Amino acid sequence: MSFSSTSVERIRIALLVLACWSAPFALVTNAHGDDDIAVPSDAATIDLGKERYGAKCAGFCHGSAGKGGRAPCLVCGKFKRGGTNADLVKNITEGVKNSPMGAFGEVYSREEIVAIVAYLRDEQKKRETE
């Protein structure tokens, strides 16, 4: 079976349309965890995350151990702007537009931000076992 150049061009266009149409749905899927990142669970990383969290996040905004304060609880498992590790890293790094959540990507390294997420996940596990 052979295809004419017109048929090949129609197939290419159809594939392009399909890719463009399905792309937003792929993004929705990824936002819910398919592109999630692993965070370390070793004591040193969690301690680093606890220290960095305590320095910038605890007192005024998200409260002790991420349990909430003036800003939402980060260990309750309910998130308005995505709850995957990747979402949390992005929100801490870039901040959240139209909210009081500032960007910390120039304050902390990626390693430190991932450590904050590791600390929050550790606190979330503790909360779930209580």
C-alpha atoms as a PDB file:
ATOM      1  CA  MET A   1       0.000   0.000   0.000  1.00  0.00           C
ATOM      2  CA  SER A   2       1.359   3.371  -0.919  1.00  0.00           C
ATOM      3  CA  PHE A   3       0.174   6.805   0.065  1.00  0.00           C
ATOM      4  CA  SER A   4       0.130   9.862  -2.131  1.00  0.00           C
ATOM      5  CA  SER A   5       1.884  12.980  -0.907  1.00  0.00           C
ATOM      6  CA  THR A   6      -1.548  14.513  -0.280  1.00  0.00           C
ATOM      7  CA  SER A   7      -2.540  11.575   1.939  1.00  0.00           C
ATOM      8  CA  VAL A   8       0.718  11.775   3.877  1.00  0.00           C
ATOM      9  CA  GLU A   9       0.191  15.516   4.411  1.00  0.00           C
ATOM     10  CA  ARG A  10      -3.384  14.893   5.643  1.00  0.00           C
ATOM     11  CA  ILE A  11      -2.093  12.280   8.111  1.00  0.00           C
ATOM     12  CA  ARG A  12       0.553  14.709   9.378  1.00  0.00           C
ATOM     13  CA  ILE A  13      -2.079  17.411   9.871  1.00  0.00           C
ATOM     14  CA  ALA A  14      -4.391  14.991  11.659  1.00  0.00           C
ATOM     15  CA  LEU A  15      -1.581  13.935  14.003  1.00  0.00           C
ATOM     16  CA  LEU A  16      -0.695  17.554  14.680  1.00  0.00           C
ATOM     17  CA  VAL A  17      -4.320  18.394  15.476  1.00  0.00           C
ATOM     18  CA  LEU A  18      -4.559  15.372  17.751  1.00  0.00           C
ATOM     19  CA  ALA A  19      -1.341  16.337  19.555  1.00  0.00           C
ATOM     20  CA  CYS A  20      -2.517  19.924  20.048  1.00  0.00           C
ATOM     21  CA  TRP A  21      -5.941  18.794  21.218  1.00  0.00           C
ATOM     22  CA  SER A  22      -4.593  16.253  23.708  1.00  0.00           C
ATOM     23  CA  ALA A  23      -1.737  18.377  25.130  1.00  0.00           C
ATOM     24  CA  PRO A  24      -3.874  20.197  27.728  1.00  0.00           C
ATOM     25  CA  PHE A  25      -5.131  16.872  29.028  1.00  0.00           C
ATOM     26  CA  ALA A  26      -1.576  15.571  29.364  1.00  0.00           C
ATOM     27  CA  LEU A  27      -0.704  18.640  31.417  1.00  0.00           C
ATOM     28  CA  VAL A  28      -3.622  18.002  33.741  1.00  0.00           C
ATOM     29  CA  THR A  29      -2.455  14.434  34.242  1.00  0.00           C
ATOM     30  CA  ASN A  30       1.108  15.555  34.934  1.00  0.00           C
ATOM     31  CA  ALA A  31      -0.061  18.151  37.430  1.00  0.00           C
ATOM     32  CA  HIS A  32      -1.544  15.317  39.469  1.00  0.00           C
ATOM     33  CA  GLY A  33       1.614  13.333  39.918  1.00  0.00           C
ATOM     34  CA  ASP A  34       2.921  11.721  36.763  1.00  0.00           C
ATOM     35  CA  ASP A  35       5.880  14.106  36.779  1.00  0.00           C
ATOM     36  CA  ASP A  36       6.351  13.961  40.547  1.00  0.00           C
ATOM     37  CA  ILE A  37       9.842  14.054  41.998  1.00  0.00           C
ATOM     38  CA  ALA A  38      11.254  11.825  44.694  1.00  0.00           C
ATOM     39  CA  VAL A  39      12.364  13.521  47.884  1.00  0.00           C
ATOM     40  CA  PRO A  40      14.973  12.007  50.190  1.00  0.00           C
ATOM     41  CA  SER A  41      13.798  10.670  53.540  1.00  0.00           C
ATOM     42  CA  ASP A  42      17.127  10.514  55.368  1.00  0.00           C
ATOM     43  CA  ALA A  43      17.521  12.288  58.713  1.00  0.00           C
ATOM     44  CA  ALA A  44      20.105  14.794  57.453  1.00  0.00           C
ATOM     45  CA  THR A  45      17.849  16.021  54.647  1.00  0.00           C
ATOM     46  CA  ILE A  46      14.816  16.225  56.926  1.00  0.00           C
ATOM     47  CA  ASP A  47      16.851  18.151  59.518  1.00  0.00           C
ATOM     48  CA  LEU A  48      18.037  20.582  56.834  1.00  0.00           C
ATOM     49  CA  GLY A  49      14.441  21.029  55.648  1.00  0.00           C
ATOM     50  CA  LYS A  50      13.236  21.584  59.203  1.00  0.00           C
ATOM     51  CA  GLU A  51      15.870  24.270  59.767  1.00  0.00           C
ATOM     52  CA  ARG A  52      15.133  26.066  56.477  1.00  0.00           C
ATOM     53  CA  TYR A  53      11.381  25.777  57.005  1.00  0.00           C
ATOM     54  CA  GLY A  54      11.704  27.156  60.529  1.00  0.00           C
ATOM     55  CA  ALA A  55      13.738  30.119  59.307  1.00  0.00           C
ATOM     56  CA  LYS A  56      11.282  31.355  56.664  1.00  0.00           C
ATOM     57  CA  CYS A  57       7.953  29.511  56.770  1.00  0.00           C
ATOM     58  CA  ALA A  58       6.965  28.592  60.305  1.00  0.00           C
ATOM     59  CA  GLY A  59       6.647  31.681  62.447  1.00  0.00           C
ATOM     60  CA  PHE A  60       4.558  34.044  60.407  1.00  0.00           C
ATOM     61  CA  CYS A  61       2.893  31.928  57.741  1.00  0.00           C
ATOM     62  CA  HIS A  62       2.463  28.149  57.767  1.00  0.00           C
ATOM     63  CA  GLY A  63       2.937  27.545  61.498  1.00  0.00           C
ATOM     64  CA  SER A  64       4.920  25.037  63.470  1.00  0.00           C
ATOM     65  CA  ALA A  65       5.585  21.786  61.618  1.00  0.00           C
ATOM     66  CA  GLY A  66       3.508  23.012  58.671  1.00  0.00           C
ATOM     67  CA  LYS A  67       0.210  22.683  60.567  1.00  0.00           C
ATOM     68  CA  GLY A  68      -1.085  26.035  59.380  1.00  0.00           C
ATOM     69  CA  GLY A  69      -1.255  29.541  60.691  1.00  0.00           C
ATOM     70  CA  ARG A  70      -2.027  32.621  58.659  1.00  0.00           C
ATOM     71  CA  ALA A  71      -1.336  30.472  55.618  1.00  0.00           C
ATOM     72  CA  PRO A  72      -2.674  26.974  54.865  1.00  0.00           C
ATOM     73  CA  CYS A  73      -1.654  23.725  56.513  1.00  0.00           C
ATOM     74  CA  LEU A  74       1.053  21.990  54.488  1.00  0.00           C
ATOM     75  CA  VAL A  75       0.782  18.593  56.187  1.00  0.00           C
ATOM     76  CA  CYS A  76      -2.986  18.083  56.012  1.00  0.00           C
ATOM     77  CA  GLY A  77      -3.010  16.593  52.507  1.00  0.00           C
ATOM     78  CA  LYS A  78      -5.297  19.294  51.042  1.00  0.00           C
ATOM     79  CA  PHE A  79      -3.773  21.724  48.575  1.00  0.00           C
ATOM     80  CA  LYS A  80      -5.367  24.417  46.431  1.00  0.00           C
ATOM     81  CA  ARG A  81      -2.480  24.602  43.981  1.00  0.00           C
ATOM     82  CA  GLY A  82      -1.336  21.010  43.620  1.00  0.00           C
ATOM     83  CA  GLY A  83      -0.020  18.670  46.240  1.00  0.00           C
ATOM     84  CA  THR A  84       2.676  16.676  44.478  1.00  0.00           C
ATOM     85  CA  ASN A  85       6.280  17.067  45.501  1.00  0.00           C
ATOM     86  CA  ALA A  86       6.921  18.784  42.168  1.00  0.00           C
ATOM     87  CA  ASP A  87       4.065  21.232  42.823  1.00  0.00           C
ATOM     88  CA  LEU A  88       5.417  22.079  46.265  1.00  0.00           C
ATOM     89  CA  VAL A  89       8.948  22.598  44.948  1.00  0.00           C
ATOM     90  CA  LYS A  90       7.576  24.860  42.205  1.00  0.00           C
ATOM     91  CA  ASN A  91       5.425  26.886  44.606  1.00  0.00           C
ATOM     92  CA  ILE A  92       8.283  27.369  47.057  1.00  0.00           C
ATOM     93  CA  THR A  93      10.729  28.216  44.276  1.00  0.00           C
ATOM     94  CA  GLU A  94       8.532  30.550  42.225  1.00  0.00           C
ATOM     95  CA  GLY A  95       5.944  31.679  44.767  1.00  0.00           C
ATOM     96  CA  VAL A  96       2.228  31.773  43.986  1.00  0.00           C
ATOM     97  CA  LYS A  97       0.886  34.638  41.891  1.00  0.00           C
ATOM     98  CA  ASN A  98      -1.872  36.749  43.405  1.00  0.00           C
ATOM     99  CA  SER A  99      -1.179  35.399  46.882  1.00  0.00           C
ATOM    100  CA  PRO A 100       1.076  36.300  49.805  1.00  0.00           C
ATOM    101  CA  MET A 101       3.275  33.278  49.023  1.00  0.00           C
ATOM    102  CA  GLY A 102       6.618  34.695  47.940  1.00  0.00           C
ATOM    103  CA  ALA A 103       9.315  33.080  45.836  1.00  0.00           C
ATOM    104  CA  PHE A 104      12.238  31.492  47.680  1.00  0.00           C
ATOM    105  CA  GLY A 105      14.183  30.243  44.646  1.00  0.00           C
ATOM    106  CA  GLU A 106      16.771  32.986  45.085  1.00  0.00           C
ATOM    107  CA  VAL A 107      16.911  32.531  48.861  1.00  0.00           C
ATOM    108  CA  TYR A 108      17.330  28.744  48.937  1.00  0.00           C
ATOM    109  CA  SER A 109      19.012  26.303  46.581  1.00  0.00           C
ATOM    110  CA  ARG A 110      16.983  23.580  44.897  1.00  0.00           C
ATOM    111  CA  GLU A 111      18.528  21.096  47.339  1.00  0.00           C
ATOM    112  CA  GLU A 112      17.290  23.173  50.281  1.00  0.00           C
ATOM    113  CA  ILE A 113      13.811  23.503  48.784  1.00  0.00           C
ATOM    114  CA  VAL A 114      13.609  19.745  48.190  1.00  0.00           C
ATOM    115  CA  ALA A 115      14.735  19.311  51.812  1.00  0.00           C
ATOM    116  CA  ILE A 116      11.828  21.527  52.942  1.00  0.00           C
ATOM    117  CA  VAL A 117       9.434  19.296  50.998  1.00  0.00           C
ATOM    118  CA  ALA A 118      11.083  16.206  52.546  1.00  0.00           C
ATOM    119  CA  TYR A 119      10.558  17.716  56.003  1.00  0.00           C
ATOM    120  CA  LEU A 120       6.895  18.497  55.240  1.00  0.00           C
ATOM    121  CA  ARG A 121       6.311  14.962  53.956  1.00  0.00           C
ATOM    122  CA  ASP A 122       7.896  13.575  57.125  1.00  0.00           C
ATOM    123  CA  GLU A 123       5.613  15.767  59.248  1.00  0.00           C
ATOM    124  CA  GLN A 124       2.632  14.679  57.141  1.00  0.00           C
ATOM    125  CA  LYS A 125       3.453  11.011  57.828  1.00  0.00           C
ATOM    126  CA  LYS A 126       3.687  11.742  61.563  1.00  0.00           C
ATOM    127  CA  ARG A 127       0.321  13.492  61.471  1.00  0.00           C
ATOM    128  CA  GLU A 128      -1.301  10.599  59.620  1.00  0.00           C
ATOM    129  CA  THR A 129      -0.038   8.066  62.184  1.00  0.00           C
ATOM    130  CA  GLU A 130      -1.320  10.104  65.158  1.00  0.00           C
END
